[in-house]
Amino acid sequence: MTFLVDLYKNLGEIQMTKIQRITLAVLSTLAISAVSMSAQAGLFGGGSGSPSPAPAGACAGLPTYAQLKAALIAASAADTSGFNLNMWGTVVNRDGIVCAVAFTGTDRGSQWPGSRVISAQKANTANAFSLPGLALSTSNLYSAVQGTEASNNNLGGSLYGLQFSNPVDTEAAYSGNQALVGSANDPMVGKRIGGVNVFGGGLALYDSTGKIVGGLGLSGDTSCADHNQAWLTRKNLNLDYVPAGVSGDATRPDNMVIDDFLGASKNNKTDGWEQPTCANPTDPALLPVVNVVPKNI
């Protein structure tokens, strides 16, 4: 801002006209704004070449990049549903700040590029709509957000419109050095992406004391495969001490519910806490049970 100082000195020696005063005010505002934006970019890693570290302590107790990647790869290898595609995974803390982003393929182009931000959306959604005593997976939200269908007198879901709330911060989601995407310094790390997603792949994270600590989102295959692998990834990370949910299965509280697998309860509708089935599905009831918080805690 040295030029402003010199300008003030020079103008101080003469009588400024009204136009000069207005011009000086505009220049001052622009200069201050530029300094402020530069400082923010340095703090949050918004520049094209700088990494985006999460604020100190914000991700304590959550998986590191290396831990998330290892858990993702193991979960992908164990799942047989969907099309056997590579996967993106994102972890957010309880404030919705991205702590880690990873993928299972050989490079960032080995997965659907669009699934990176979707995985962050799912992590945000599961965290944002789960509570200390009640977990909701993104798959649990599908039926409740459906709109009215006059053709079959369907009045729609009780949460219709939820999917349009909390939109993605596109600048936070897409800015930064794309060469760092999917690495420990992914440009989304340290930022609050937002977004709401209402099909399988997002789960809340609960530590061994039963405390909710954030959310996990996976995307890259069918929504059923996304859910299955998110479930296995959460299990691998030992963050599945889920207190309660709406699935109807106390041992898998926030599990996906699919009408086709409900046996005698099947009604050929997607209602309640259900979502539609997918290509090459597996029964969600075959997923491992969640951990239980020890009684002495």
C-alpha atoms as a PDB file:
ATOM      1  CA  MET A   1       0.000   0.000   0.000  1.00  0.00           C
ATOM      2  CA  THR A   2       3.047   2.303  -0.341  1.00  0.00           C
ATOM      3  CA  PHE A   3       1.521   3.989  -3.358  1.00  0.00           C
ATOM      4  CA  LEU A   4      -1.432   5.119  -1.228  1.00  0.00           C
ATOM      5  CA  VAL A   5       0.860   6.714   1.328  1.00  0.00           C
ATOM      6  CA  ASP A   6       2.655   8.654  -1.405  1.00  0.00           C
ATOM      7  CA  LEU A   7      -0.697   9.622  -2.920  1.00  0.00           C
ATOM      8  CA  TYR A   8      -1.952  10.955   0.399  1.00  0.00           C
ATOM      9  CA  LYS A   9       1.234  13.028   0.847  1.00  0.00           C
ATOM     10  CA  ASN A  10       1.021  14.504  -2.623  1.00  0.00           C
ATOM     11  CA  LEU A  11      -2.668  15.333  -2.349  1.00  0.00           C
ATOM     12  CA  GLY A  12      -2.092  16.826   1.066  1.00  0.00           C
ATOM     13  CA  GLU A  13      -0.061  19.573  -0.553  1.00  0.00           C
ATOM     14  CA  ILE A  14      -2.890  20.638  -2.825  1.00  0.00           C
ATOM     15  CA  GLN A  15      -6.596  21.168  -2.426  1.00  0.00           C
ATOM     16  CA  MET A  16      -8.432  18.040  -3.560  1.00  0.00           C
ATOM     17  CA  THR A  17     -11.450  18.307  -5.759  1.00  0.00           C
ATOM     18  CA  LYS A  18     -14.566  16.212  -5.039  1.00  0.00           C
ATOM     19  CA  ILE A  19     -13.647  13.797  -7.834  1.00  0.00           C
ATOM     20  CA  GLN A  20     -10.158  13.360  -6.410  1.00  0.00           C
ATOM     21  CA  ARG A  21     -11.549  12.555  -2.967  1.00  0.00           C
ATOM     22  CA  ILE A  22     -13.930   9.943  -4.395  1.00  0.00           C
ATOM     23  CA  THR A  23     -11.158   8.390  -6.477  1.00  0.00           C
ATOM     24  CA  LEU A  24      -8.878   8.157  -3.464  1.00  0.00           C
ATOM     25  CA  ALA A  25     -11.598   6.495  -1.369  1.00  0.00           C
ATOM     26  CA  VAL A  26     -12.235   3.873  -4.061  1.00  0.00           C
ATOM     27  CA  LEU A  27      -8.526   3.099  -4.414  1.00  0.00           C
ATOM     28  CA  SER A  28      -8.181   2.709  -0.664  1.00  0.00           C
ATOM     29  CA  THR A  29     -11.106   0.273  -0.461  1.00  0.00           C
ATOM     30  CA  LEU A  30      -9.768  -1.849  -3.323  1.00  0.00           C
ATOM     31  CA  ALA A  31      -6.300  -2.011  -1.820  1.00  0.00           C
ATOM     32  CA  ILE A  32      -7.582  -3.036   1.618  1.00  0.00           C
ATOM     33  CA  SER A  33      -9.831  -5.706   0.058  1.00  0.00           C
ATOM     34  CA  ALA A  34      -6.908  -7.111  -1.927  1.00  0.00           C
ATOM     35  CA  VAL A  35      -4.760  -7.382   1.207  1.00  0.00           C
ATOM     36  CA  SER A  36      -7.591  -9.091   3.105  1.00  0.00           C
ATOM     37  CA  MET A  37      -8.242 -11.623   0.331  1.00  0.00           C
ATOM     38  CA  SER A  38      -4.545 -12.377   0.064  1.00  0.00           C
ATOM     39  CA  ALA A  39      -4.357 -13.060   3.797  1.00  0.00           C
ATOM     40  CA  GLN A  40      -7.386 -15.377   3.674  1.00  0.00           C
ATOM     41  CA  ALA A  41      -5.918 -17.318   0.745  1.00  0.00           C
ATOM     42  CA  GLY A  42      -2.727 -17.817   2.720  1.00  0.00           C
ATOM     43  CA  LEU A  43      -4.623 -18.989   5.800  1.00  0.00           C
ATOM     44  CA  PHE A  44      -6.971 -21.445   4.114  1.00  0.00           C
ATOM     45  CA  GLY A  45      -4.865 -22.557   1.164  1.00  0.00           C
ATOM     46  CA  GLY A  46      -7.136 -21.096  -1.500  1.00  0.00           C
ATOM     47  CA  GLY A  47      -4.269 -20.229  -3.849  1.00  0.00           C
ATOM     48  CA  SER A  48      -3.709 -22.358  -6.910  1.00  0.00           C
ATOM     49  CA  GLY A  49      -0.454 -23.837  -5.655  1.00  0.00           C
ATOM     50  CA  SER A  50      -0.810 -23.941  -1.895  1.00  0.00           C
ATOM     51  CA  PRO A  51      -2.037 -26.882   0.207  1.00  0.00           C
ATOM     52  CA  SER A  52      -5.112 -26.498   2.405  1.00  0.00           C
ATOM     53  CA  PRO A  53      -4.318 -27.721   5.908  1.00  0.00           C
ATOM     54  CA  ALA A  54      -7.230 -28.082   8.304  1.00  0.00           C
ATOM     55  CA  PRO A  55      -7.148 -25.699  11.272  1.00  0.00           C
ATOM     56  CA  ALA A  56      -4.952 -27.000  14.099  1.00  0.00           C
ATOM     57  CA  GLY A  57      -6.826 -29.496  16.267  1.00  0.00           C
ATOM     58  CA  ALA A  58      -9.959 -29.424  14.112  1.00  0.00           C
ATOM     59  CA  CYS A  59      -9.457 -33.015  12.979  1.00  0.00           C
ATOM     60  CA  ALA A  60      -8.149 -34.530  16.208  1.00  0.00           C
ATOM     61  CA  GLY A  61      -9.463 -38.078  16.646  1.00  0.00           C
ATOM     62  CA  LEU A  62     -10.406 -38.400  12.975  1.00  0.00           C
ATOM     63  CA  PRO A  63      -8.602 -40.461  10.313  1.00  0.00           C
ATOM     64  CA  THR A  64      -5.515 -39.094   8.628  1.00  0.00           C
ATOM     65  CA  TYR A  65      -5.243 -39.183   4.857  1.00  0.00           C
ATOM     66  CA  ALA A  66      -3.189 -42.396   5.026  1.00  0.00           C
ATOM     67  CA  GLN A  67      -5.661 -44.079   7.391  1.00  0.00           C
ATOM     68  CA  LEU A  68      -8.651 -43.117   5.249  1.00  0.00           C
ATOM     69  CA  LYS A  69      -6.992 -44.345   2.053  1.00  0.00           C
ATOM     70  CA  ALA A  70      -6.023 -47.688   3.593  1.00  0.00           C
ATOM     71  CA  ALA A  71      -9.532 -48.198   5.013  1.00  0.00           C
ATOM     72  CA  LEU A  72     -11.097 -47.293   1.646  1.00  0.00           C
ATOM     73  CA  ILE A  73      -8.949 -49.718  -0.316  1.00  0.00           C
ATOM     74  CA  ALA A  74      -9.697 -52.551   2.121  1.00  0.00           C
ATOM     75  CA  ALA A  75     -13.436 -51.850   1.989  1.00  0.00           C
ATOM     76  CA  SER A  76     -13.446 -51.744  -1.803  1.00  0.00           C
ATOM     77  CA  ALA A  77     -11.681 -55.097  -1.979  1.00  0.00           C
ATOM     78  CA  ALA A  78     -14.214 -56.688   0.393  1.00  0.00           C
ATOM     79  CA  ASP A  79     -17.397 -55.510  -1.361  1.00  0.00           C
ATOM     80  CA  THR A  80     -18.962 -57.412  -4.272  1.00  0.00           C
ATOM     81  CA  SER A  81     -21.915 -55.146  -5.093  1.00  0.00           C
ATOM     82  CA  GLY A  82     -22.248 -52.609  -7.882  1.00  0.00           C
ATOM     83  CA  PHE A  83     -19.872 -52.426 -10.841  1.00  0.00           C
ATOM     84  CA  ASN A  84     -16.543 -52.806  -9.003  1.00  0.00           C
ATOM     85  CA  LEU A  85     -15.598 -49.191  -9.731  1.00  0.00           C
ATOM     86  CA  ASN A  86     -13.040 -47.096  -7.894  1.00  0.00           C
ATOM     87  CA  MET A  87     -14.197 -44.848  -5.084  1.00  0.00           C
ATOM     88  CA  TRP A  88     -13.735 -41.393  -3.591  1.00  0.00           C
ATOM     89  CA  GLY A  89     -13.934 -40.930   0.179  1.00  0.00           C
ATOM     90  CA  THR A  90     -14.145 -37.798   2.326  1.00  0.00           C
ATOM     91  CA  VAL A  91     -14.133 -37.272   6.095  1.00  0.00           C
ATOM     92  CA  VAL A  92     -15.503 -34.123   7.755  1.00  0.00           C
ATOM     93  CA  ASN A  93     -15.423 -33.108  11.400  1.00  0.00           C
ATOM     94  CA  ARG A  94     -18.460 -32.167  13.483  1.00  0.00           C
ATOM     95  CA  ASP A  95     -18.331 -28.613  12.104  1.00  0.00           C
ATOM     96  CA  GLY A  96     -18.400 -29.915   8.533  1.00  0.00           C
ATOM     97  CA  ILE A  97     -14.768 -29.040   7.839  1.00  0.00           C
ATOM     98  CA  VAL A  98     -13.057 -31.466   5.455  1.00  0.00           C
ATOM     99  CA  CYS A  99     -10.262 -33.376   7.191  1.00  0.00           C
ATOM    100  CA  ALA A 100      -9.237 -35.911   4.536  1.00  0.00           C
ATOM    101  CA  VAL A 101      -9.973 -36.829   0.924  1.00  0.00           C
ATOM    102  CA  ALA A 102      -8.705 -39.999  -0.757  1.00  0.00           C
ATOM    103  CA  PHE A 103      -9.424 -42.369  -3.648  1.00  0.00           C
ATOM    104  CA  THR A 104      -8.877 -46.063  -4.356  1.00  0.00           C
ATOM    105  CA  GLY A 105      -7.627 -45.936  -7.949  1.00  0.00           C
ATOM    106  CA  THR A 106      -4.160 -45.388  -9.356  1.00  0.00           C
ATOM    107  CA  ASP A 107      -4.707 -41.670  -9.968  1.00  0.00           C
ATOM    108  CA  ARG A 108      -7.391 -39.014  -9.632  1.00  0.00           C
ATOM    109  CA  GLY A 109      -8.828 -39.871 -13.036  1.00  0.00           C
ATOM    110  CA  SER A 110      -9.466 -43.520 -12.123  1.00  0.00           C
ATOM    111  CA  GLN A 111     -12.738 -42.583 -10.375  1.00  0.00           C
ATOM    112  CA  TRP A 112     -15.641 -40.488 -11.638  1.00  0.00           C
ATOM    113  CA  PRO A 113     -14.276 -36.941 -11.207  1.00  0.00           C
ATOM    114  CA  GLY A 114     -17.703 -35.686 -10.169  1.00  0.00           C
ATOM    115  CA  SER A 115     -17.824 -38.141  -7.294  1.00  0.00           C
ATOM    116  CA  ARG A 116     -15.130 -36.288  -5.332  1.00  0.00           C
ATOM    117  CA  VAL A 117     -17.471 -33.440  -4.374  1.00  0.00           C
ATOM    118  CA  ILE A 118     -20.408 -35.854  -4.009  1.00  0.00           C
ATOM    119  CA  SER A 119     -18.422 -37.785  -1.406  1.00  0.00           C
ATOM    120  CA  ALA A 120     -17.902 -34.534   0.502  1.00  0.00           C
ATOM    121  CA  GLN A 121     -21.625 -33.755   0.200  1.00  0.00           C
ATOM    122  CA  LYS A 122     -22.486 -37.144   1.650  1.00  0.00           C
ATOM    123  CA  ALA A 123     -20.061 -36.729   4.551  1.00  0.00           C
ATOM    124  CA  ASN A 124     -21.540 -33.313   5.274  1.00  0.00           C
ATOM    125  CA  THR A 125     -25.118 -34.611   5.097  1.00  0.00           C
ATOM    126  CA  ALA A 126     -24.595 -37.574   7.426  1.00  0.00           C
ATOM    127  CA  ASN A 127     -22.842 -35.346   9.940  1.00  0.00           C
ATOM    128  CA  ALA A 128     -25.333 -32.480   9.638  1.00  0.00           C
ATOM    129  CA  PHE A 129     -28.438 -34.624  10.124  1.00  0.00           C
ATOM    130  CA  SER A 130     -27.181 -37.031  12.771  1.00  0.00           C
ATOM    131  CA  LEU A 131     -27.226 -36.422  16.512  1.00  0.00           C
ATOM    132  CA  PRO A 132     -25.462 -37.782  19.607  1.00  0.00           C
ATOM    133  CA  GLY A 133     -28.339 -40.206  20.096  1.00  0.00           C
ATOM    134  CA  LEU A 134     -29.626 -40.777  16.541  1.00  0.00           C
ATOM    135  CA  ALA A 135     -27.738 -41.531  13.324  1.00  0.00           C
ATOM    136  CA  LEU A 136     -29.191 -40.997   9.864  1.00  0.00           C
ATOM    137  CA  SER A 137     -27.343 -42.273   6.826  1.00  0.00           C
ATOM    138  CA  THR A 138     -27.839 -40.467   3.526  1.00  0.00           C
ATOM    139  CA  SER A 139     -29.770 -43.489   2.251  1.00  0.00           C
ATOM    140  CA  ASN A 140     -32.278 -43.089   5.106  1.00  0.00           C
ATOM    141  CA  LEU A 141     -33.232 -39.647   3.759  1.00  0.00           C
ATOM    142  CA  TYR A 142     -34.224 -40.706   0.231  1.00  0.00           C
ATOM    143  CA  SER A 143     -37.910 -41.461   0.738  1.00  0.00           C
ATOM    144  CA  ALA A 144     -38.588 -38.487   3.009  1.00  0.00           C
ATOM    145  CA  VAL A 145     -37.429 -35.936   0.405  1.00  0.00           C
ATOM    146  CA  GLN A 146     -39.482 -37.196  -2.541  1.00  0.00           C
ATOM    147  CA  GLY A 147     -42.020 -34.819  -4.086  1.00  0.00           C
ATOM    148  CA  THR A 148     -45.721 -35.229  -4.796  1.00  0.00           C
ATOM    149  CA  GLU A 149     -46.783 -37.610  -7.581  1.00  0.00           C
ATOM    150  CA  ALA A 150     -50.332 -36.872  -8.696  1.00  0.00           C
ATOM    151  CA  SER A 151     -50.436 -39.989 -10.888  1.00  0.00           C
ATOM    152  CA  ASN A 152     -50.511 -42.315  -7.876  1.00  0.00           C
ATOM    153  CA  ASN A 153     -51.834 -39.962  -5.172  1.00  0.00           C
ATOM    154  CA  ASN A 154     -48.424 -39.882  -3.492  1.00  0.00           C
ATOM    155  CA  LEU A 155     -48.377 -36.782  -1.313  1.00  0.00           C
ATOM    156  CA  GLY A 156     -44.604 -36.771  -1.116  1.00  0.00           C
ATOM    157  CA  GLY A 157     -42.167 -37.016   1.750  1.00  0.00           C
ATOM    158  CA  SER A 158     -42.238 -35.064   4.997  1.00  0.00           C
ATOM    159  CA  LEU A 159     -38.763 -33.617   4.341  1.00  0.00           C
ATOM    160  CA  TYR A 160     -39.292 -32.599   0.717  1.00  0.00           C
ATOM    161  CA  GLY A 161     -36.972 -29.686  -0.057  1.00  0.00           C
ATOM    162  CA  LEU A 162     -34.236 -30.797   2.327  1.00  0.00           C
ATOM    163  CA  GLN A 163     -32.060 -31.716  -0.658  1.00  0.00           C
ATOM    164  CA  PHE A 164     -32.095 -28.074  -1.795  1.00  0.00           C
ATOM    165  CA  SER A 165     -30.927 -26.681   1.527  1.00  0.00           C
ATOM    166  CA  ASN A 166     -27.304 -26.114   2.554  1.00  0.00           C
ATOM    167  CA  PRO A 167     -25.944 -25.848  -1.012  1.00  0.00           C
ATOM    168  CA  VAL A 168     -22.353 -26.731  -1.884  1.00  0.00           C
ATOM    169  CA  ASP A 169     -19.863 -23.885  -1.618  1.00  0.00           C
ATOM    170  CA  THR A 170     -18.618 -24.195  -5.195  1.00  0.00           C
ATOM    171  CA  GLU A 171     -15.575 -21.990  -4.672  1.00  0.00           C
ATOM    172  CA  ALA A 172     -14.425 -24.125  -1.748  1.00  0.00           C
ATOM    173  CA  ALA A 173     -15.203 -27.332  -3.639  1.00  0.00           C
ATOM    174  CA  TYR A 174     -13.555 -26.578  -6.968  1.00  0.00           C
ATOM    175  CA  SER A 175     -10.787 -24.026  -6.376  1.00  0.00           C
ATOM    176  CA  GLY A 176      -7.137 -24.788  -5.735  1.00  0.00           C
ATOM    177  CA  ASN A 177      -4.411 -26.757  -7.460  1.00  0.00           C
ATOM    178  CA  GLN A 178      -6.057 -29.699  -9.196  1.00  0.00           C
ATOM    179  CA  ALA A 179      -2.780 -31.619  -9.170  1.00  0.00           C
ATOM    180  CA  LEU A 180      -3.291 -31.974  -5.408  1.00  0.00           C
ATOM    181  CA  VAL A 181      -6.789 -33.485  -5.721  1.00  0.00           C
ATOM    182  CA  GLY A 182      -7.096 -36.723  -3.761  1.00  0.00           C
ATOM    183  CA  SER A 183      -3.806 -36.209  -1.947  1.00  0.00           C
ATOM    184  CA  ALA A 184      -3.087 -35.339   1.680  1.00  0.00           C
ATOM    185  CA  ASN A 185      -3.226 -31.689   0.575  1.00  0.00           C
ATOM    186  CA  ASP A 186      -6.442 -31.894  -1.429  1.00  0.00           C
ATOM    187  CA  PRO A 187      -7.715 -28.308  -1.878  1.00  0.00           C
ATOM    188  CA  MET A 188     -10.972 -29.174  -0.058  1.00  0.00           C
ATOM    189  CA  VAL A 189      -9.112 -29.985   3.161  1.00  0.00           C
ATOM    190  CA  GLY A 190      -9.666 -27.319   5.796  1.00  0.00           C
ATOM    191  CA  LYS A 191     -12.778 -25.988   4.081  1.00  0.00           C
ATOM    192  CA  ARG A 192     -16.493 -26.339   4.742  1.00  0.00           C
ATOM    193  CA  ILE A 193     -17.998 -27.731   1.528  1.00  0.00           C
ATOM    194  CA  GLY A 194     -21.641 -28.061   2.572  1.00  0.00           C
ATOM    195  CA  GLY A 195     -24.192 -29.774   0.357  1.00  0.00           C
ATOM    196  CA  VAL A 196     -26.983 -32.278   0.961  1.00  0.00           C
ATOM    197  CA  ASN A 197     -27.102 -35.698  -0.687  1.00  0.00           C
ATOM    198  CA  VAL A 198     -29.980 -38.140  -0.246  1.00  0.00           C
ATOM    199  CA  PHE A 199     -28.829 -41.515  -1.542  1.00  0.00           C
ATOM    200  CA  GLY A 200     -26.480 -44.136  -0.119  1.00  0.00           C
ATOM    201  CA  GLY A 201     -22.858 -43.493   0.786  1.00  0.00           C
ATOM    202  CA  GLY A 202     -22.899 -41.099   3.755  1.00  0.00           C
ATOM    203  CA  LEU A 203     -22.542 -42.189   7.394  1.00  0.00           C
ATOM    204  CA  ALA A 204     -22.024 -40.376  10.685  1.00  0.00           C
ATOM    205  CA  LEU A 205     -18.893 -41.222  12.676  1.00  0.00           C
ATOM    206  CA  TYR A 206     -19.042 -42.164  16.384  1.00  0.00           C
ATOM    207  CA  ASP A 207     -15.976 -42.841  18.502  1.00  0.00           C
ATOM    208  CA  SER A 208     -15.570 -45.540  21.153  1.00  0.00           C
ATOM    209  CA  THR A 209     -17.314 -43.375  23.776  1.00  0.00           C
ATOM    210  CA  GLY A 210     -20.365 -42.995  21.552  1.00  0.00           C
ATOM    211  CA  LYS A 211     -19.566 -39.362  20.756  1.00  0.00           C
ATOM    212  CA  ILE A 212     -20.424 -38.155  17.255  1.00  0.00           C
ATOM    213  CA  VAL A 213     -17.223 -36.756  15.735  1.00  0.00           C
ATOM    214  CA  GLY A 214     -18.072 -36.124  12.094  1.00  0.00           C
ATOM    215  CA  GLY A 215     -19.142 -37.802   8.889  1.00  0.00           C
ATOM    216  CA  LEU A 216     -17.846 -40.080   6.140  1.00  0.00           C
ATOM    217  CA  GLY A 217     -18.923 -39.974   2.499  1.00  0.00           C
ATOM    218  CA  LEU A 218     -18.149 -42.350  -0.376  1.00  0.00           C
ATOM    219  CA  SER A 219     -19.032 -41.996  -4.047  1.00  0.00           C
ATOM    220  CA  GLY A 220     -17.975 -43.699  -7.258  1.00  0.00           C
ATOM    221  CA  ASP A 221     -20.277 -46.656  -7.939  1.00  0.00           C
ATOM    222  CA  THR A 222     -23.974 -47.425  -7.441  1.00  0.00           C
ATOM    223  CA  SER A 223     -25.420 -45.787  -4.348  1.00  0.00           C
ATOM    224  CA  CYS A 224     -25.806 -49.249  -2.796  1.00  0.00           C
ATOM    225  CA  ALA A 225     -22.104 -50.009  -3.338  1.00  0.00           C
ATOM    226  CA  ASP A 226     -21.256 -46.545  -2.003  1.00  0.00           C
ATOM    227  CA  HIS A 227     -23.205 -47.339   1.173  1.00  0.00           C
ATOM    228  CA  ASN A 228     -21.737 -50.813   1.581  1.00  0.00           C
ATOM    229  CA  GLN A 229     -18.174 -49.597   1.206  1.00  0.00           C
ATOM    230  CA  ALA A 230     -18.789 -46.584   3.453  1.00  0.00           C
ATOM    231  CA  TRP A 231     -20.090 -49.021   6.067  1.00  0.00           C
ATOM    232  CA  LEU A 232     -16.989 -51.199   5.765  1.00  0.00           C
ATOM    233  CA  THR A 233     -14.683 -48.174   5.735  1.00  0.00           C
ATOM    234  CA  ARG A 234     -16.255 -46.855   8.942  1.00  0.00           C
ATOM    235  CA  LYS A 235     -15.838 -50.296  10.488  1.00  0.00           C
ATOM    236  CA  ASN A 236     -12.176 -50.374   9.426  1.00  0.00           C
ATOM    237  CA  LEU A 237     -11.653 -46.982  11.058  1.00  0.00           C
ATOM    238  CA  ASN A 238     -13.301 -48.165  14.305  1.00  0.00           C
ATOM    239  CA  LEU A 239     -15.720 -45.220  14.244  1.00  0.00           C
ATOM    240  CA  ASP A 240     -18.983 -47.183  14.168  1.00  0.00           C
ATOM    241  CA  TYR A 241     -20.152 -46.973  17.803  1.00  0.00           C
ATOM    242  CA  VAL A 242     -23.583 -45.939  16.520  1.00  0.00           C
ATOM    243  CA  PRO A 243     -26.133 -45.331  19.311  1.00  0.00           C
ATOM    244  CA  ALA A 244     -29.445 -45.653  17.446  1.00  0.00           C
ATOM    245  CA  GLY A 245     -31.044 -45.161  14.057  1.00  0.00           C
ATOM    246  CA  VAL A 246     -34.142 -45.690  11.937  1.00  0.00           C
ATOM    247  CA  SER A 247     -33.347 -48.871   9.990  1.00  0.00           C
ATOM    248  CA  GLY A 248     -35.307 -51.132  12.326  1.00  0.00           C
ATOM    249  CA  ASP A 249     -32.191 -53.208  13.022  1.00  0.00           C
ATOM    250  CA  ALA A 250     -30.647 -52.300  16.381  1.00  0.00           C
ATOM    251  CA  THR A 251     -27.364 -53.965  15.401  1.00  0.00           C
ATOM    252  CA  ARG A 252     -27.139 -51.873  12.217  1.00  0.00           C
ATOM    253  CA  PRO A 253     -29.005 -48.706  13.248  1.00  0.00           C
ATOM    254  CA  ASP A 254     -28.303 -46.444  10.261  1.00  0.00           C
ATOM    255  CA  ASN A 255     -28.208 -49.163   7.623  1.00  0.00           C
ATOM    256  CA  MET A 256     -29.699 -48.813   4.157  1.00  0.00           C
ATOM    257  CA  VAL A 257     -33.260 -50.119   3.873  1.00  0.00           C
ATOM    258  CA  ILE A 258     -34.305 -51.571   0.483  1.00  0.00           C
ATOM    259  CA  ASP A 259     -37.841 -52.814  -0.079  1.00  0.00           C
ATOM    260  CA  ASP A 260     -36.688 -55.757  -2.215  1.00  0.00           C
ATOM    261  CA  PHE A 261     -34.882 -57.252   0.791  1.00  0.00           C
ATOM    262  CA  LEU A 262     -37.684 -56.823   3.357  1.00  0.00           C
ATOM    263  CA  GLY A 263     -39.217 -60.267   2.873  1.00  0.00           C
ATOM    264  CA  ALA A 264     -42.753 -60.407   4.270  1.00  0.00           C
ATOM    265  CA  SER A 265     -42.679 -56.644   4.920  1.00  0.00           C
ATOM    266  CA  LYS A 266     -42.091 -55.848   1.242  1.00  0.00           C
ATOM    267  CA  ASN A 267     -44.796 -53.588  -0.227  1.00  0.00           C
ATOM    268  CA  ASN A 268     -43.251 -52.701  -3.616  1.00  0.00           C
ATOM    269  CA  LYS A 269     -42.902 -49.059  -2.604  1.00  0.00           C
ATOM    270  CA  THR A 270     -40.028 -46.840  -1.572  1.00  0.00           C
ATOM    271  CA  ASP A 271     -41.389 -45.416   1.660  1.00  0.00           C
ATOM    272  CA  GLY A 272     -40.465 -45.058   5.300  1.00  0.00           C
ATOM    273  CA  TRP A 273     -36.667 -44.807   5.496  1.00  0.00           C
ATOM    274  CA  GLU A 274     -36.060 -46.744   2.290  1.00  0.00           C
ATOM    275  CA  GLN A 275     -34.206 -45.999  -0.905  1.00  0.00           C
ATOM    276  CA  PRO A 276     -34.547 -47.837  -4.245  1.00  0.00           C
ATOM    277  CA  THR A 277     -32.448 -50.862  -5.057  1.00  0.00           C
ATOM    278  CA  CYS A 278     -29.447 -50.725  -7.406  1.00  0.00           C
ATOM    279  CA  ALA A 279     -27.758 -52.807 -10.084  1.00  0.00           C
ATOM    280  CA  ASN A 280     -26.097 -55.906  -8.611  1.00  0.00           C
ATOM    281  CA  PRO A 281     -27.156 -55.220  -5.011  1.00  0.00           C
ATOM    282  CA  THR A 282     -26.350 -57.221  -1.910  1.00  0.00           C
ATOM    283  CA  ASP A 283     -28.568 -57.518   1.147  1.00  0.00           C
ATOM    284  CA  PRO A 284     -27.682 -54.698   3.591  1.00  0.00           C
ATOM    285  CA  ALA A 285     -28.466 -57.079   6.455  1.00  0.00           C
ATOM    286  CA  LEU A 286     -25.273 -58.971   5.573  1.00  0.00           C
ATOM    287  CA  LEU A 287     -23.104 -55.995   6.523  1.00  0.00           C
ATOM    288  CA  PRO A 288     -21.215 -56.345   9.842  1.00  0.00           C
ATOM    289  CA  VAL A 289     -22.944 -55.186  13.013  1.00  0.00           C
ATOM    290  CA  VAL A 290     -21.816 -51.913  14.577  1.00  0.00           C
ATOM    291  CA  ASN A 291     -19.711 -51.644  17.705  1.00  0.00           C
ATOM    292  CA  VAL A 292     -21.307 -51.158  21.108  1.00  0.00           C
ATOM    293  CA  VAL A 293     -20.081 -48.571  23.621  1.00  0.00           C
ATOM    294  CA  PRO A 294     -18.761 -50.370  26.724  1.00  0.00           C
ATOM    295  CA  LYS A 295     -21.144 -50.122  29.676  1.00  0.00           C
ATOM    296  CA  ASN A 296     -18.492 -48.590  31.963  1.00  0.00           C
ATOM    297  CA  ILE A 297     -18.211 -45.461  29.787  1.00  0.00           C
END
